[in-house]
Amino acid sequence: MSRGIEATPAFGDLELRNEQPPAFAIIKSSRRHIVCSDVDYNSAFTMPTAMPKVKPAALSKELSEPLPEPPTFEGKPGVRSIAGDLGNEYAAPRLFPTTHLTSPRRVKGKVIIVTGANSLIGIGRASAHQFARHGARALYLCDYDASNLAMHKRELASLYPATEVHTRQFDAADEAAVKAVVGDALEAYGRLDVFFANAGISSGKVFWEEDAEGFMKVMRTNALSVFLAAKHGSLAMRKTSAEKPYPGGSIIGTASVAGLKSNAGPTDYSASKAAVVSLMQTCAYQLVGSGIRCNAVCPGLIETGMTKITYDAARARGSEKKIGQLNPLRRGGQPDEIARAVLFLASDESSYVNAQAWAVDGGLSGGMPFVPGKLA
């Protein structure tokens, strides 16, 4: 497609307008608008009778290639990033260049609590980086296992010195502990804006091998923790001050595609994640008129500490590229990809998004399992 050339009306009622940047054109007809990017004009008017045959192995090739290793911090790997960011020292080039269509400070001034933040390759850590990168005033990183929390704090302080980082070690299903960290945030900053309830575990057992105690342990960590975050987080978000004249906030619970459809995880895990979805939707309605939003993010297969055994086994067999083959993107996801969805839900950009279960899964939950080629 020629660039920088003014388009003129052509093809009857079809009109080409080059009012967008040169790489884009809008084809206007009496029936529809088609946005084309870097394509030949003529091809935009011709709809093929059949989709061209493409080898499945070539699909999403750029995104299925291994990500470059990020720089390390104190000998530990940094957060793998899927796209460039303003101020992101760990960014890796991807298929599409990043354009900055929104403010680079999407949670500026917000006070945020994150549970399940300890893992080196977890969604909690990746989300903390997104929050700090986008201007959070204060972060509370919390986990039952605190082995990496101090290192996370030092890393964030070195990269984003404007964000104050606090660490807390406690069980996210301990009501007194959750109430205490919320109280700490209110005492120090007079506000709480975001509670990302991300703590989670899985037994990995089939239901006939699970006992009642093990089942309830998973439910307690995965679902009760979200209930407590919503309960005490929402009470704090109702508080107003000179800096925050109106009540409001965002509560985000980590669910899973396993909470949306069957056969995506063990019974205890799936039941707990379905509970998270229901909790967020029910709490959103009970918080009517408060300005507090509750949403669940539902990751698909993401490379985290919980799925490390799957990824390690696939790499040992030389079958890593088969990971994610049941979704249309034909790849697994990265924690950073979930963190970006969480960042949106935490920001005011999602001010009309409420009581939703957002699947970030490469399309897995959107249909039947993806099978490249013929079905029969």
Protein backbone atom coordinates (compact mmCIF):
# COMPACT_ATOMS: atom_id res chain seq x y z
CA MET A 1 0.00 0.00 0.00
CA SER A 2 1.32 3.44 -0.90
CA ARG A 3 2.00 5.73 2.03
CA GLY A 4 1.38 9.44 2.22
CA ILE A 5 -0.87 9.53 -0.88
CA GLU A 6 -4.30 11.12 -0.52
CA ALA A 7 -7.00 8.60 -1.31
CA THR A 8 -9.80 9.53 -3.72
CA PRO A 9 -13.34 8.13 -4.06
CA ALA A 10 -13.49 5.01 -6.15
CA PHE A 11 -15.50 1.84 -6.79
CA GLY A 12 -18.99 3.34 -6.70
CA ASP A 13 -20.15 3.93 -3.14
CA LEU A 14 -16.78 2.92 -1.72
CA GLU A 15 -14.59 5.70 -0.49
CA LEU A 16 -11.01 5.57 0.70
CA ARG A 17 -10.09 8.08 3.39
CA ASN A 18 -6.55 8.49 4.60
CA GLU A 19 -7.39 10.53 7.70
CA GLN A 20 -5.63 8.01 9.93
CA PRO A 21 -1.84 7.72 10.11
CA PRO A 22 -0.34 6.69 6.74
CA ALA A 23 -0.14 3.00 7.67
CA PHE A 24 -3.92 2.82 7.96
CA ALA A 25 -6.87 3.40 5.66
CA ILE A 26 -10.61 3.28 6.26
CA ILE A 27 -12.75 1.78 3.54
CA LYS A 28 -16.23 3.26 3.79
CA SER A 29 -19.23 1.66 2.13
CA SER A 30 -22.97 1.90 2.61
CA ARG A 31 -22.84 -1.30 4.63
CA ARG A 32 -19.73 -1.22 6.77
CA HIS A 33 -16.39 0.30 7.64
CA ILE A 34 -13.28 -1.81 7.23
CA VAL A 35 -10.01 -0.74 8.80
CA CYS A 36 -6.99 -1.96 6.88
CA SER A 37 -3.37 -1.81 7.93
CA ASP A 38 -0.46 -2.18 5.54
CA VAL A 39 -2.49 -4.02 2.91
CA ASP A 40 -3.02 -3.45 -0.78
CA TYR A 41 -6.16 -1.41 -1.50
CA ASN A 42 -7.43 -3.86 -4.09
CA SER A 43 -7.22 -6.77 -1.67
CA ALA A 44 -9.55 -4.91 0.66
CA PHE A 45 -12.36 -5.03 -1.88
CA THR A 46 -11.98 -8.71 -2.74
CA MET A 47 -13.24 -11.24 -0.24
CA PRO A 48 -11.66 -14.63 -0.93
CA THR A 49 -13.99 -17.54 -1.54
CA ALA A 50 -11.94 -19.63 0.88
CA MET A 51 -9.34 -18.86 3.46
CA PRO A 52 -5.82 -19.55 2.22
CA LYS A 53 -4.22 -22.66 3.56
CA VAL A 54 -1.70 -21.88 6.25
CA LYS A 55 0.50 -24.39 7.93
CA PRO A 56 -0.53 -24.52 11.61
CA ALA A 57 3.11 -24.37 12.64
CA ALA A 58 3.36 -20.87 11.16
CA LEU A 59 0.46 -19.48 13.15
CA SER A 60 1.47 -16.98 15.81
CA LYS A 61 5.10 -17.81 15.04
CA GLU A 62 6.56 -14.65 16.50
CA LEU A 63 4.61 -14.99 19.73
CA SER A 64 5.41 -18.67 20.14
CA GLU A 65 9.15 -18.12 19.98
CA PRO A 66 10.87 -18.19 23.40
CA LEU A 67 11.09 -14.79 25.05
CA PRO A 68 14.57 -13.37 25.57
CA GLU A 69 15.84 -13.79 29.10
CA PRO A 70 15.35 -10.56 31.08
CA PRO A 71 18.15 -8.92 33.05
CA THR A 72 18.67 -10.34 36.51
CA PHE A 73 18.39 -8.61 39.87
CA GLU A 74 20.56 -9.92 42.70
CA GLY A 75 21.07 -13.09 40.71
CA LYS A 76 17.34 -13.70 40.25
CA PRO A 77 15.58 -13.41 36.86
CA GLY A 78 13.53 -10.30 36.21
CA VAL A 79 9.95 -10.20 34.97
CA ARG A 80 9.55 -11.28 31.36
CA SER A 81 7.68 -8.58 29.46
CA ILE A 82 5.63 -9.23 26.34
CA ALA A 83 5.87 -5.71 24.93
CA GLY A 84 7.81 -2.51 25.20
CA ASP A 85 6.77 -0.02 27.86
CA LEU A 86 7.73 3.50 28.66
CA GLY A 87 10.18 3.05 31.51
CA ASN A 88 10.28 -0.74 31.27
CA GLU A 89 13.89 -1.81 31.42
CA TYR A 90 12.97 -5.47 30.94
CA ALA A 91 10.95 -5.06 27.74
CA ALA A 92 11.40 -7.59 24.96
CA PRO A 93 10.58 -6.85 21.29
CA ARG A 94 7.44 -8.61 20.13
CA LEU A 95 5.44 -9.05 16.93
CA PHE A 96 3.66 -5.71 17.16
CA PRO A 97 5.32 -2.45 18.21
CA THR A 98 3.83 -0.87 21.31
CA THR A 99 1.97 2.40 20.83
CA HIS A 100 1.31 4.65 23.79
CA LEU A 101 -2.36 5.47 23.32
CA THR A 102 -3.03 5.91 27.03
CA SER A 103 -1.35 7.66 29.90
CA PRO A 104 1.89 5.99 31.01
CA ARG A 105 0.74 6.57 34.59
CA ARG A 106 -2.50 4.64 34.69
CA VAL A 107 -2.67 4.09 38.47
CA LYS A 108 -0.96 7.30 39.51
CA GLY A 109 -1.36 8.04 43.20
CA LYS A 110 -3.19 4.81 44.01
CA VAL A 111 -2.56 2.68 47.10
CA ILE A 112 -2.62 -1.02 46.19
CA ILE A 113 -2.53 -4.31 48.09
CA VAL A 114 -1.40 -7.48 46.30
CA THR A 115 -1.60 -10.94 47.85
CA GLY A 116 0.20 -13.93 46.38
CA ALA A 117 3.16 -11.72 45.46
CA ASN A 118 6.16 -13.84 46.45
CA SER A 119 6.78 -16.08 43.42
CA LEU A 120 9.62 -15.11 41.09
CA ILE A 121 7.55 -16.08 38.05
CA GLY A 122 4.10 -15.28 39.36
CA ILE A 123 1.24 -13.01 38.32
CA GLY A 124 1.55 -11.11 41.61
CA ARG A 125 5.12 -10.01 40.98
CA ALA A 126 4.40 -9.12 37.35
CA SER A 127 1.39 -7.06 38.43
CA ALA A 128 3.42 -5.24 41.07
CA HIS A 129 5.84 -4.16 38.34
CA GLN A 130 2.98 -2.89 36.18
CA PHE A 131 1.48 -0.98 39.11
CA ALA A 132 4.81 0.63 40.03
CA ARG A 133 5.65 1.40 36.41
CA HIS A 134 2.32 3.17 36.04
CA GLY A 135 2.67 5.45 39.02
CA ALA A 136 1.23 3.67 42.06
CA ARG A 137 1.84 5.69 45.20
CA ALA A 138 2.24 2.65 47.45
CA LEU A 139 2.31 -1.11 47.09
CA TYR A 140 1.75 -3.71 49.80
CA LEU A 141 3.24 -7.02 48.66
CA CYS A 142 1.86 -9.88 50.74
CA ASP A 143 2.34 -13.63 50.84
CA TYR A 144 2.38 -16.59 53.21
CA ASP A 145 5.85 -17.40 51.84
CA ALA A 146 8.06 -14.32 52.21
CA SER A 147 11.29 -15.78 50.81
CA ASN A 148 11.41 -13.34 47.88
CA LEU A 149 9.42 -10.37 49.16
CA ALA A 150 12.42 -8.39 50.41
CA MET A 151 14.18 -8.85 47.08
CA HIS A 152 11.04 -7.75 45.21
CA LYS A 153 10.95 -4.62 47.36
CA ARG A 154 14.58 -3.77 46.59
CA GLU A 155 14.09 -4.40 42.89
CA LEU A 156 11.00 -2.20 42.66
CA ALA A 157 12.73 0.53 44.68
CA SER A 158 15.65 0.50 42.26
CA LEU A 159 13.43 0.66 39.17
CA TYR A 160 10.57 2.85 40.42
CA PRO A 161 11.80 4.93 43.37
CA ALA A 162 8.64 7.06 43.42
CA THR A 163 6.56 4.08 44.56
CA GLU A 164 6.69 3.19 48.25
CA VAL A 165 6.83 -0.59 48.67
CA HIS A 166 5.86 -2.46 51.84
CA THR A 167 5.99 -6.21 52.44
CA ARG A 168 3.83 -8.31 54.72
CA GLN A 169 4.00 -12.01 55.52
CA PHE A 170 0.65 -13.57 56.37
CA ASP A 171 -1.98 -16.08 55.30
CA ALA A 172 -4.37 -14.36 52.88
CA ALA A 173 -7.23 -16.38 54.40
CA ASP A 174 -6.49 -15.07 57.92
CA GLU A 175 -9.12 -12.40 58.56
CA ALA A 176 -7.19 -10.62 61.30
CA ALA A 177 -4.12 -10.35 59.05
CA VAL A 178 -6.10 -9.04 56.08
CA LYS A 179 -7.83 -6.49 58.29
CA ALA A 180 -4.44 -5.44 59.67
CA VAL A 181 -2.79 -4.75 56.30
CA VAL A 182 -5.83 -2.78 55.17
CA GLY A 183 -5.62 -0.79 58.41
CA ASP A 184 -1.91 -0.15 57.81
CA ALA A 185 -2.67 1.31 54.38
CA LEU A 186 -5.39 3.57 55.77
CA GLU A 187 -3.20 4.76 58.62
CA ALA A 188 -0.24 5.53 56.37
CA TYR A 189 -2.02 6.98 53.34
CA GLY A 190 -5.63 7.61 54.32
CA ARG A 191 -6.92 5.56 51.41
CA LEU A 192 -7.05 2.20 49.67
CA ASP A 193 -7.73 2.11 45.95
CA VAL A 194 -7.02 -1.41 44.72
CA PHE A 195 -6.99 -4.85 46.33
CA PHE A 196 -5.65 -7.55 44.02
CA ALA A 197 -6.53 -10.86 45.70
CA ASN A 198 -4.12 -13.18 43.94
CA ALA A 199 -3.27 -15.89 46.49
CA GLY A 200 -3.83 -19.39 45.18
CA ILE A 201 -2.84 -23.05 45.48
CA SER A 202 -3.81 -26.37 43.89
CA SER A 203 -3.57 -29.97 45.09
CA GLY A 204 -3.33 -31.48 41.61
CA LYS A 205 -5.41 -34.46 42.75
CA VAL A 206 -8.43 -36.11 41.12
CA PHE A 207 -11.49 -35.76 43.33
CA TRP A 208 -11.66 -39.40 44.48
CA GLU A 209 -8.14 -39.12 45.87
CA GLU A 210 -8.84 -35.85 47.71
CA ASP A 211 -10.00 -35.79 51.32
CA ALA A 212 -12.24 -33.18 52.91
CA GLU A 213 -9.35 -31.47 54.66
CA GLY A 214 -7.36 -31.06 51.45
CA PHE A 215 -10.41 -29.83 49.55
CA MET A 216 -11.19 -27.19 52.14
CA LYS A 217 -7.54 -26.09 52.27
CA VAL A 218 -7.72 -25.17 48.59
CA MET A 219 -11.11 -23.50 49.03
CA ARG A 220 -9.81 -21.53 52.00
CA THR A 221 -6.73 -20.20 50.23
CA ASN A 222 -8.33 -19.55 46.86
CA ALA A 223 -11.86 -18.43 47.73
CA LEU A 224 -11.98 -17.33 51.38
CA SER A 225 -8.99 -15.06 50.76
CA VAL A 226 -10.92 -13.26 48.01
CA PHE A 227 -13.97 -12.92 50.25
CA LEU A 228 -11.83 -11.32 52.97
CA ALA A 229 -10.17 -9.01 50.45
CA ALA A 230 -13.57 -7.87 49.23
CA LYS A 231 -14.97 -7.47 52.75
CA HIS A 232 -12.17 -5.44 54.30
CA GLY A 233 -10.99 -3.83 51.08
CA SER A 234 -14.45 -2.45 50.31
CA LEU A 235 -14.84 -1.03 53.82
CA ALA A 236 -11.57 0.86 53.37
CA MET A 237 -12.48 2.02 49.86
CA ARG A 238 -15.57 3.74 51.23
CA LYS A 239 -13.34 6.07 53.25
CA THR A 240 -12.91 9.59 51.91
CA SER A 241 -10.30 12.25 52.55
CA ALA A 242 -9.03 15.53 51.17
CA GLU A 243 -7.07 13.60 48.53
CA LYS A 244 -9.93 11.19 47.85
CA PRO A 245 -13.20 13.12 48.12
CA TYR A 246 -15.37 10.29 46.79
CA PRO A 247 -15.58 6.61 47.76
CA GLY A 248 -14.53 4.04 45.22
CA GLY A 249 -11.97 1.46 44.26
CA SER A 250 -11.28 -1.77 42.42
CA ILE A 251 -11.24 -5.28 43.86
CA ILE A 252 -9.76 -7.91 41.56
CA GLY A 253 -9.83 -11.63 42.27
CA THR A 254 -7.67 -14.13 40.43
CA ALA A 255 -9.97 -16.86 39.17
CA SER A 256 -9.18 -19.14 36.21
CA VAL A 257 -10.65 -20.55 33.03
CA ALA A 258 -11.02 -23.63 35.24
CA GLY A 259 -13.69 -21.63 37.07
CA LEU A 260 -15.57 -21.03 33.84
CA LYS A 261 -15.54 -24.45 32.18
CA SER A 262 -14.76 -28.00 33.21
CA ASN A 263 -11.66 -30.03 32.43
CA ALA A 264 -9.24 -27.14 32.88
CA GLY A 265 -7.99 -28.04 36.35
CA PRO A 266 -8.41 -30.33 39.39
CA THR A 267 -11.81 -30.44 41.08
CA ASP A 268 -10.83 -28.52 44.21
CA TYR A 269 -9.02 -25.84 42.22
CA SER A 270 -11.84 -25.49 39.68
CA ALA A 271 -14.50 -25.24 42.37
CA SER A 272 -12.53 -22.58 44.23
CA LYS A 273 -12.04 -20.51 41.08
CA ALA A 274 -15.72 -20.76 40.18
CA ALA A 275 -16.37 -19.44 43.68
CA VAL A 276 -14.08 -16.46 42.99
CA VAL A 277 -16.11 -15.57 39.90
CA SER A 278 -19.36 -15.78 41.86
CA LEU A 279 -17.90 -13.79 44.76
CA MET A 280 -16.81 -10.94 42.53
CA GLN A 281 -20.12 -10.78 40.72
CA THR A 282 -22.20 -10.99 43.89
CA CYS A 283 -20.08 -8.48 45.80
CA ALA A 284 -20.30 -6.03 42.90
CA TYR A 285 -24.08 -5.99 43.24
CA GLN A 286 -24.03 -5.74 47.02
CA LEU A 287 -21.73 -2.72 46.67
CA VAL A 288 -24.30 -0.93 44.52
CA GLY A 289 -23.82 2.83 44.44
CA SER A 290 -20.50 2.75 46.28
CA GLY A 291 -18.25 3.31 43.27
CA ILE A 292 -16.38 0.10 44.14
CA ARG A 293 -15.95 -2.35 41.28
CA CYS A 294 -15.36 -6.10 41.64
CA ASN A 295 -14.02 -8.20 38.77
CA ALA A 296 -12.34 -11.56 38.29
CA VAL A 297 -9.46 -12.19 35.93
CA CYS A 298 -9.43 -15.74 34.55
CA PRO A 299 -6.01 -16.80 33.26
CA GLY A 300 -5.54 -19.74 30.96
CA LEU A 301 -2.31 -21.74 30.89
CA ILE A 302 0.31 -19.30 32.17
CA GLU A 303 3.95 -20.06 32.97
CA THR A 304 3.99 -19.58 36.74
CA GLY A 305 5.28 -21.49 39.71
CA MET A 306 2.05 -23.49 39.75
CA THR A 307 2.50 -24.69 36.15
CA LYS A 308 6.30 -24.95 36.24
CA ILE A 309 6.17 -28.74 36.42
CA THR A 310 4.20 -28.81 33.15
CA TYR A 311 6.60 -26.49 31.37
CA ASP A 312 9.69 -28.25 32.71
CA ALA A 313 8.39 -31.65 31.61
CA ALA A 314 7.58 -30.35 28.13
CA ARG A 315 11.03 -28.81 27.76
CA ALA A 316 12.66 -32.04 28.89
CA ARG A 317 10.74 -33.91 26.18
CA GLY A 318 11.45 -31.26 23.56
CA SER A 319 7.72 -30.60 23.16
CA GLU A 320 7.51 -27.08 24.58
CA LYS A 321 5.91 -25.74 21.40
CA LYS A 322 2.93 -28.03 22.00
CA ILE A 323 2.03 -26.06 25.12
CA GLY A 324 -1.16 -24.14 24.50
CA GLN A 325 -2.03 -26.13 21.38
CA LEU A 326 -5.71 -26.23 22.39
CA ASN A 327 -6.15 -22.46 22.04
CA PRO A 328 -6.21 -20.52 18.75
CA LEU A 329 -2.97 -18.68 19.55
CA ARG A 330 -1.29 -22.06 20.01
CA ARG A 331 0.92 -20.99 22.90
CA GLY A 332 0.90 -20.59 26.64
CA GLY A 333 0.84 -17.18 28.28
CA GLN A 334 3.20 -15.13 30.41
CA PRO A 335 2.40 -13.58 33.82
CA ASP A 336 2.99 -10.15 32.28
CA GLU A 337 0.04 -10.73 29.95
CA ILE A 338 -2.25 -11.27 32.91
CA ALA A 339 -0.67 -8.34 34.76
CA ARG A 340 -1.63 -5.99 31.94
CA ALA A 341 -5.26 -7.06 32.20
CA VAL A 342 -5.08 -6.58 35.97
CA LEU A 343 -3.56 -3.12 35.47
CA PHE A 344 -6.50 -2.15 33.28
CA LEU A 345 -9.02 -3.39 35.85
CA ALA A 346 -7.17 -1.47 38.56
CA SER A 347 -7.11 1.75 36.57
CA ASP A 348 -9.84 4.32 36.03
CA GLU A 349 -9.83 3.32 32.36
CA SER A 350 -12.04 0.39 33.40
CA SER A 351 -14.47 2.62 35.31
CA TYR A 352 -17.49 0.99 33.61
CA VAL A 353 -16.22 -2.59 33.91
CA ASN A 354 -17.88 -4.30 36.85
CA ALA A 355 -18.98 -7.81 37.91
CA GLN A 356 -17.08 -9.40 35.02
CA ALA A 357 -15.04 -12.58 34.65
CA TRP A 358 -12.36 -11.67 32.12
CA ALA A 359 -10.77 -14.70 30.45
CA VAL A 360 -7.18 -14.04 29.39
CA ASP A 361 -6.46 -17.42 27.88
CA GLY A 362 -5.52 -17.15 24.21
CA GLY A 363 -9.11 -17.96 23.26
CA LEU A 364 -9.27 -21.33 25.04
CA SER A 365 -12.59 -20.70 26.79
CA GLY A 366 -14.17 -19.12 23.71
CA GLY A 367 -15.07 -22.38 22.02
CA MET A 368 -14.44 -26.05 21.66
CA PRO A 369 -10.78 -27.16 21.76
CA PHE A 370 -8.86 -25.80 18.79
CA VAL A 371 -7.80 -28.50 16.33
CA PRO A 372 -5.68 -27.29 13.40
CA GLY A 373 -6.59 -28.81 10.06
CA LYS A 374 -9.57 -30.97 9.24
CA LEU A 375 -11.83 -32.39 11.93
CA ALA A 376 -12.46 -35.63 10.05
